[in-house]
């Protein structure tokens, strides 16, 4: 089955990475809610922003191939 520029394996790998990024984002949000240390909060915020960039990039790859993502951006 031809899906634009992505093979089936590439699509599956991207979708798996999106799920992993979603889990990471949930964990970072949890950690941010329980920490009171400003330096730790700043580091967690940086991690959240970097993860969001990863999600955006992965979603762009799927969109460019004409596929929709099942993982929402946070």
PDB file of N, CA and C in Angstrom:
ATOM      1  N   UNK A   1       0.842  -1.180   0.000  1.00  0.00           N
ATOM      2  CA  UNK A   1       0.000   0.000   0.000  1.00  0.00           C
ATOM      3  C   UNK A   1       0.887   1.244   0.000  1.00  0.00           C
ATOM      4  N   UNK A   2       0.711   2.088  -0.965  1.00  0.00           N
ATOM      5  CA  UNK A   2       1.522   3.297  -1.091  1.00  0.00           C
ATOM      6  C   UNK A   2       0.872   4.443  -0.333  1.00  0.00           C
ATOM      7  N   UNK A   3       1.651   5.112   0.535  1.00  0.00           N
ATOM      8  CA  UNK A   3       1.119   6.212   1.340  1.00  0.00           C
ATOM      9  C   UNK A   3       1.982   7.452   1.151  1.00  0.00           C
ATOM     10  N   UNK A   4       1.938   8.038  -0.014  1.00  0.00           N
ATOM     11  CA  UNK A   4       2.734   9.239  -0.226  1.00  0.00           C
ATOM     12  C   UNK A   4       4.211   8.921  -0.162  1.00  0.00           C
ATOM     13  N   UNK A   5       4.924   9.682   0.641  1.00  0.00           N
ATOM     14  CA  UNK A   5       6.374   9.542   0.726  1.00  0.00           C
ATOM     15  C   UNK A   5       6.809   8.560   1.811  1.00  0.00           C
ATOM     16  N   UNK A   6       5.884   8.067   2.613  1.00  0.00           N
ATOM     17  CA  UNK A   6       6.250   7.206   3.739  1.00  0.00           C
ATOM     18  C   UNK A   6       5.913   5.748   3.456  1.00  0.00           C
ATOM     19  N   UNK A   7       6.815   4.883   3.882  1.00  0.00           N
ATOM     20  CA  UNK A   7       6.501   3.460   3.842  1.00  0.00           C
ATOM     21  C   UNK A   7       5.637   3.127   5.062  1.00  0.00           C
ATOM     22  N   UNK A   8       5.075   1.959   5.069  1.00  0.00           N
ATOM     23  CA  UNK A   8       4.272   1.511   6.216  1.00  0.00           C
ATOM     24  C   UNK A   8       5.112   1.490   7.493  1.00  0.00           C
ATOM     25  N   UNK A   9       6.347   1.026   7.386  1.00  0.00           N
ATOM     26  CA  UNK A   9       7.233   0.974   8.556  1.00  0.00           C
ATOM     27  C   UNK A   9       7.556   2.374   9.067  1.00  0.00           C
ATOM     28  N   UNK A  10       7.772   3.308   8.169  1.00  0.00           N
ATOM     29  CA  UNK A  10       8.048   4.687   8.579  1.00  0.00           C
ATOM     30  C   UNK A  10       6.836   5.286   9.289  1.00  0.00           C
ATOM     31  N   UNK A  11       5.658   5.052   8.727  1.00  0.00           N
ATOM     32  CA  UNK A  11       4.431   5.560   9.348  1.00  0.00           C
ATOM     33  C   UNK A  11       4.260   4.983  10.747  1.00  0.00           C
ATOM     34  N   UNK A  12       4.463   3.685  10.880  1.00  0.00           N
ATOM     35  CA  UNK A  12       4.336   3.039  12.186  1.00  0.00           C
ATOM     36  C   UNK A  12       5.362   3.590  13.183  1.00  0.00           C
ATOM     37  N   UNK A  13       6.574   3.813  12.722  1.00  0.00           N
ATOM     38  CA  UNK A  13       7.621   4.357  13.601  1.00  0.00           C
ATOM     39  C   UNK A  13       7.259   5.768  14.063  1.00  0.00           C
ATOM     40  N   UNK A  14       6.748   6.592  13.154  1.00  0.00           N
ATOM     41  CA  UNK A  14       6.351   7.952  13.522  1.00  0.00           C
ATOM     42  C   UNK A  14       5.196   7.922  14.522  1.00  0.00           C
ATOM     43  N   UNK A  15       4.215   7.071  14.270  1.00  0.00           N
ATOM     44  CA  UNK A  15       3.086   6.981  15.189  1.00  0.00           C
ATOM     45  C   UNK A  15       3.515   6.479  16.565  1.00  0.00           C
ATOM     46  N   UNK A  16       4.446   5.544  16.600  1.00  0.00           N
ATOM     47  CA  UNK A  16       4.964   5.051  17.881  1.00  0.00           C
ATOM     48  C   UNK A  16       5.706   6.164  18.616  1.00  0.00           C
ATOM     49  N   UNK A  17       6.492   6.941  17.886  1.00  0.00           N
ATOM     50  CA  UNK A  17       7.211   8.047  18.510  1.00  0.00           C
ATOM     51  C   UNK A  17       6.238   9.100  19.027  1.00  0.00           C
ATOM     52  N   UNK A  18       5.149   9.340  18.304  1.00  0.00           N
ATOM     53  CA  UNK A  18       4.134  10.287  18.776  1.00  0.00           C
ATOM     54  C   UNK A  18       3.522   9.804  20.089  1.00  0.00           C
ATOM     55  N   UNK A  19       3.262   8.511  20.200  1.00  0.00           N
ATOM     56  CA  UNK A  19       2.732   7.971  21.458  1.00  0.00           C
ATOM     57  C   UNK A  19       3.747   8.147  22.590  1.00  0.00           C
ATOM     58  N   UNK A  20       5.013   7.906  22.294  1.00  0.00           N
ATOM     59  CA  UNK A  20       6.055   8.077  23.309  1.00  0.00           C
ATOM     60  C   UNK A  20       6.162   9.536  23.742  1.00  0.00           C
ATOM     61  N   UNK A  21       6.082  10.461  22.798  1.00  0.00           N
ATOM     62  CA  UNK A  21       6.129  11.889  23.128  1.00  0.00           C
ATOM     63  C   UNK A  21       4.919  12.287  23.972  1.00  0.00           C
ATOM     64  N   UNK A  22       3.764  11.706  23.685  1.00  0.00           N
ATOM     65  CA  UNK A  22       2.560  11.996  24.460  1.00  0.00           C
ATOM     66  C   UNK A  22       2.728  11.539  25.910  1.00  0.00           C
ATOM     67  N   UNK A  23       3.270  10.350  26.102  1.00  0.00           N
ATOM     68  CA  UNK A  23       3.521   9.841  27.454  1.00  0.00           C
ATOM     69  C   UNK A  23       4.512  10.743  28.179  1.00  0.00           C
ATOM     70  N   UNK A  24       5.563  11.140  27.482  1.00  0.00           N
ATOM     71  CA  UNK A  24       6.571  12.031  28.075  1.00  0.00           C
ATOM     72  C   UNK A  24       5.933  13.351  28.483  1.00  0.00           C
ATOM     73  N   UNK A  25       5.095  13.918  27.625  1.00  0.00           N
ATOM     74  CA  UNK A  25       4.440  15.195  27.932  1.00  0.00           C
ATOM     75  C   UNK A  25       3.556  15.072  29.176  1.00  0.00           C
ATOM     76  N   UNK A  26       2.857  13.968  29.298  1.00  0.00           N
ATOM     77  CA  UNK A  26       2.014  13.754  30.479  1.00  0.00           C
ATOM     78  C   UNK A  26       2.854  13.678  31.748  1.00  0.00           C
ATOM     79  N   UNK A  27       3.976  12.995  31.667  1.00  0.00           N
ATOM     80  CA  UNK A  27       4.858  12.886  32.826  1.00  0.00           C
ATOM     81  C   UNK A  27       5.437  14.243  33.210  1.00  0.00           C
ATOM     82  N   UNK A  28       5.883  14.998  32.207  1.00  0.00           N
ATOM     83  CA  UNK A  28       6.450  16.321  32.483  1.00  0.00           C
ATOM     84  C   UNK A  28       5.399  17.207  33.153  1.00  0.00           C
ATOM     85  N   UNK A  29       4.166  17.171  32.664  1.00  0.00           N
ATOM     86  CA  UNK A  29       3.101  17.965  33.269  1.00  0.00           C
ATOM     87  C   UNK A  29       2.873  17.553  34.723  1.00  0.00           C
ATOM     88  N   UNK A  30       2.897  16.260  34.996  1.00  0.00           N
ATOM     89  CA  UNK A  30       2.740  15.775  36.364  1.00  0.00           C
ATOM     90  C   UNK A  30       3.875  16.277  37.242  1.00  0.00           C
ATOM     91  N   UNK A  31       5.106  16.139  36.751  1.00  0.00           N
ATOM     92  CA  UNK A  31       6.259  16.589  37.533  1.00  0.00           C
ATOM     93  C   UNK A  31       6.198  18.094  37.779  1.00  0.00           C
ATOM     94  N   UNK A  32       5.761  18.852  36.776  1.00  0.00           N
ATOM     95  CA  UNK A  32       5.651  20.303  36.947  1.00  0.00           C
ATOM     96  C   UNK A  32       4.608  20.652  38.008  1.00  0.00           C
ATOM     97  N   UNK A  33       3.588  19.830  38.124  1.00  0.00           N
ATOM     98  CA  UNK A  33       2.530  20.123  39.092  1.00  0.00           C
ATOM     99  C   UNK A  33       2.947  19.838  40.534  1.00  0.00           C
ATOM    100  N   UNK A  34       3.975  19.019  40.723  1.00  0.00           N
ATOM    101  CA  UNK A  34       4.361  18.660  42.090  1.00  0.00           C
ATOM    102  C   UNK A  34       5.645  19.326  42.568  1.00  0.00           C
ATOM    103  N   UNK A  35       6.445  19.856  41.655  1.00  0.00           N
ATOM    104  CA  UNK A  35       7.700  20.477  42.091  1.00  0.00           C
ATOM    105  C   UNK A  35       7.482  21.957  42.411  1.00  0.00           C
ATOM    106  N   UNK A  36       8.234  22.433  43.366  1.00  0.00           N
ATOM    107  CA  UNK A  36       8.176  23.850  43.752  1.00  0.00           C
ATOM    108  C   UNK A  36       9.501  24.557  43.506  1.00  0.00           C
ATOM    109  N   UNK A  37      10.503  23.810  43.099  1.00  0.00           N
ATOM    110  CA  UNK A  37      11.825  24.369  42.841  1.00  0.00           C
ATOM    111  C   UNK A  37      11.806  25.087  41.489  1.00  0.00           C
ATOM    112  N   UNK A  38      12.068  26.399  41.476  1.00  0.00           N
ATOM    113  CA  UNK A  38      12.016  27.155  40.223  1.00  0.00           C
ATOM    114  C   UNK A  38      12.987  26.649  39.151  1.00  0.00           C
ATOM    115  N   UNK A  39      14.161  26.196  39.555  1.00  0.00           N
ATOM    116  CA  UNK A  39      15.120  25.712  38.560  1.00  0.00           C
ATOM    117  C   UNK A  39      14.647  24.396  37.943  1.00  0.00           C
ATOM    118  N   UNK A  40      14.030  23.542  38.744  1.00  0.00           N
ATOM    119  CA  UNK A  40      13.485  22.285  38.223  1.00  0.00           C
ATOM    120  C   UNK A  40      12.293  22.590  37.314  1.00  0.00           C
ATOM    121  N   UNK A  41      11.454  23.535  37.738  1.00  0.00           N
ATOM    122  CA  UNK A  41      10.307  23.912  36.906  1.00  0.00           C
ATOM    123  C   UNK A  41      10.777  24.470  35.559  1.00  0.00           C
ATOM    124  N   UNK A  42      11.834  25.282  35.565  1.00  0.00           N
ATOM    125  CA  UNK A  42      12.357  25.845  34.321  1.00  0.00           C
ATOM    126  C   UNK A  42      12.875  24.734  33.403  1.00  0.00           C
ATOM    127  N   UNK A  43      13.566  23.769  33.978  1.00  0.00           N
ATOM    128  CA  UNK A  43      14.071  22.646  33.191  1.00  0.00           C
ATOM    129  C   UNK A  43      12.912  21.827  32.610  1.00  0.00           C
ATOM    130  N   UNK A  44      11.908  21.570  33.420  1.00  0.00           N
ATOM    131  CA  UNK A  44      10.748  20.830  32.945  1.00  0.00           C
ATOM    132  C   UNK A  44      10.011  21.591  31.842  1.00  0.00           C
ATOM    133  N   UNK A  45       9.943  22.904  31.963  1.00  0.00           N
ATOM    134  CA  UNK A  45       9.307  23.714  30.923  1.00  0.00           C
ATOM    135  C   UNK A  45      10.076  23.596  29.608  1.00  0.00           C
ATOM    136  N   UNK A  46      11.406  23.615  29.703  1.00  0.00           N
ATOM    137  CA  UNK A  46      12.230  23.436  28.502  1.00  0.00           C
ATOM    138  C   UNK A  46      11.969  22.072  27.870  1.00  0.00           C
ATOM    139  N   UNK A  47      11.850  21.053  28.711  1.00  0.00           N
ATOM    140  CA  UNK A  47      11.572  19.705  28.210  1.00  0.00           C
ATOM    141  C   UNK A  47      10.216  19.656  27.524  1.00  0.00           C
ATOM    142  N   UNK A  48       9.219  20.311  28.117  1.00  0.00           N
ATOM    143  CA  UNK A  48       7.877  20.336  27.531  1.00  0.00           C
ATOM    144  C   UNK A  48       7.900  21.016  26.165  1.00  0.00           C
ATOM    145  N   UNK A  49       8.619  22.122  26.064  1.00  0.00           N
ATOM    146  CA  UNK A  49       8.706  22.845  24.795  1.00  0.00           C
ATOM    147  C   UNK A  49       9.427  22.026  23.727  1.00  0.00           C
ATOM    148  N   UNK A  50      10.488  21.348  24.121  1.00  0.00           N
ATOM    149  CA  UNK A  50      11.225  20.508  23.178  1.00  0.00           C
ATOM    150  C   UNK A  50      10.351  19.345  22.702  1.00  0.00           C
ATOM    151  N   UNK A  51       9.619  18.750  23.623  1.00  0.00           N
ATOM    152  CA  UNK A  51       8.709  17.664  23.253  1.00  0.00           C
ATOM    153  C   UNK A  51       7.631  18.145  22.299  1.00  0.00           C
ATOM    154  N   UNK A  52       7.126  19.355  22.518  1.00  0.00           N
ATOM    155  CA  UNK A  52       6.103  19.904  21.631  1.00  0.00           C
ATOM    156  C   UNK A  52       6.666  20.119  20.225  1.00  0.00           C
ATOM    157  N   UNK A  53       7.917  20.542  20.141  1.00  0.00           N
ATOM    158  CA  UNK A  53       8.548  20.693  18.827  1.00  0.00           C
ATOM    159  C   UNK A  53       8.672  19.329  18.140  1.00  0.00           C
ATOM    160  N   UNK A  54       8.993  18.295  18.911  1.00  0.00           N
ATOM    161  CA  UNK A  54       9.074  16.947  18.337  1.00  0.00           C
ATOM    162  C   UNK A  54       7.714  16.516  17.791  1.00  0.00           C
ATOM    163  N   UNK A  55       6.667  16.745  18.573  1.00  0.00           N
ATOM    164  CA  UNK A  55       5.319  16.371  18.145  1.00  0.00           C
ATOM    165  C   UNK A  55       4.941  17.125  16.873  1.00  0.00           C
ATOM    166  N   UNK A  56       5.241  18.403  16.836  1.00  0.00           N
ATOM    167  CA  UNK A  56       4.931  19.211  15.651  1.00  0.00           C
ATOM    168  C   UNK A  56       5.663  18.677  14.417  1.00  0.00           C
ATOM    169  N   UNK A  57       6.929  18.346  14.586  1.00  0.00           N
ATOM    170  CA  UNK A  57       7.713  17.817  13.472  1.00  0.00           C
ATOM    171  C   UNK A  57       7.151  16.489  12.987  1.00  0.00           C
ATOM    172  N   UNK A  58       6.841  15.605  13.916  1.00  0.00           N
ATOM    173  CA  UNK A  58       6.299  14.302  13.544  1.00  0.00           C
ATOM    174  C   UNK A  58       4.942  14.442  12.864  1.00  0.00           C
ATOM    175  N   UNK A  59       4.090  15.314  13.397  1.00  0.00           N
ATOM    176  CA  UNK A  59       2.790  15.542  12.771  1.00  0.00           C
ATOM    177  C   UNK A  59       2.955  16.121  11.370  1.00  0.00           C
ATOM    178  N   UNK A  60       3.936  16.989  11.185  1.00  0.00           N
ATOM    179  CA  UNK A  60       4.195  17.557   9.859  1.00  0.00           C
ATOM    180  C   UNK A  60       4.598  16.474   8.867  1.00  0.00           C
ATOM    181  N   UNK A  61       5.406  15.537   9.320  1.00  0.00           N
ATOM    182  CA  UNK A  61       5.801  14.426   8.446  1.00  0.00           C
ATOM    183  C   UNK A  61       4.581  13.640   7.990  1.00  0.00           C
ATOM    184  N   UNK A  62       3.677  13.369   8.924  1.00  0.00           N
ATOM    185  CA  UNK A  62       2.463  12.631   8.569  1.00  0.00           C
ATOM    186  C   UNK A  62       1.575  13.451   7.640  1.00  0.00           C
ATOM    187  N   UNK A  63       1.429  14.728   7.925  1.00  0.00           N
ATOM    188  CA  UNK A  63       0.590  15.588   7.080  1.00  0.00           C
ATOM    189  C   UNK A  63       1.164  15.703   5.679  1.00  0.00           C
ATOM    190  N   UNK A  64       2.478  15.838   5.565  1.00  0.00           N
ATOM    191  CA  UNK A  64       3.121  15.932   4.255  1.00  0.00           C
ATOM    192  C   UNK A  64       2.884  14.674   3.428  1.00  0.00           C
ATOM    193  N   UNK A  65       2.716  13.555   4.105  1.00  0.00           N
ATOM    194  CA  UNK A  65       2.458  12.291   3.416  1.00  0.00           C
ATOM    195  C   UNK A  65       0.957  12.072   3.210  1.00  0.00           C
ATOM    196  N   UNK A  66       0.147  13.049   3.631  1.00  0.00           N
ATOM    197  CA  UNK A  66      -1.295  12.929   3.432  1.00  0.00           C
ATOM    198  C   UNK A  66      -1.984  12.087   4.495  1.00  0.00           C
ATOM    199  N   UNK A  67      -1.352  11.955   5.637  1.00  0.00           N
ATOM    200  CA  UNK A  67      -1.901  11.140   6.729  1.00  0.00           C
ATOM    201  C   UNK A  67      -2.253  12.028   7.890  1.00  0.00           C
ATOM    202  N   UNK A  68      -3.243  11.638   8.656  1.00  0.00           N
ATOM    203  CA  UNK A  68      -3.623  12.389   9.852  1.00  0.00           C
ATOM    204  C   UNK A  68      -3.004  11.730  11.074  1.00  0.00           C
ATOM    205  N   UNK A  69      -2.668  12.547  12.050  1.00  0.00           N
ATOM    206  CA  UNK A  69      -2.094  12.052  13.294  1.00  0.00           C
ATOM    207  C   UNK A  69      -3.187  11.712  14.286  1.00  0.00           C
ATOM    208  N   UNK A  70      -2.955  10.679  15.074  1.00  0.00           N
ATOM    209  CA  UNK A  70      -3.890  10.319  16.123  1.00  0.00           C
ATOM    210  C   UNK A  70      -3.522  10.914  17.472  1.00  0.00           C
ATOM    211  N   UNK A  71      -2.402  11.644  17.548  1.00  0.00           N
ATOM    212  CA  UNK A  71      -1.944  12.214  18.803  1.00  0.00           C
ATOM    213  C   UNK A  71      -2.059  13.725  18.726  1.00  0.00           C
ATOM    214  N   UNK A  72      -2.796  14.287  19.653  1.00  0.00           N
ATOM    215  CA  UNK A  72      -2.996  15.732  19.664  1.00  0.00           C
ATOM    216  C   UNK A  72      -1.770  16.429  20.229  1.00  0.00           C
ATOM    217  N   UNK A  73      -1.592  17.666  19.828  1.00  0.00           N
ATOM    218  CA  UNK A  73      -0.516  18.469  20.376  1.00  0.00           C
ATOM    219  C   UNK A  73      -0.987  19.097  21.661  1.00  0.00           C
ATOM    220  N   UNK A  74      -0.077  19.191  22.654  1.00  0.00           N
ATOM    221  CA  UNK A  74      -0.422  19.775  23.962  1.00  0.00           C
ATOM    222  C   UNK A  74      -0.043  21.215  24.001  1.00  0.00           C
TER     223      UNK A  74
END
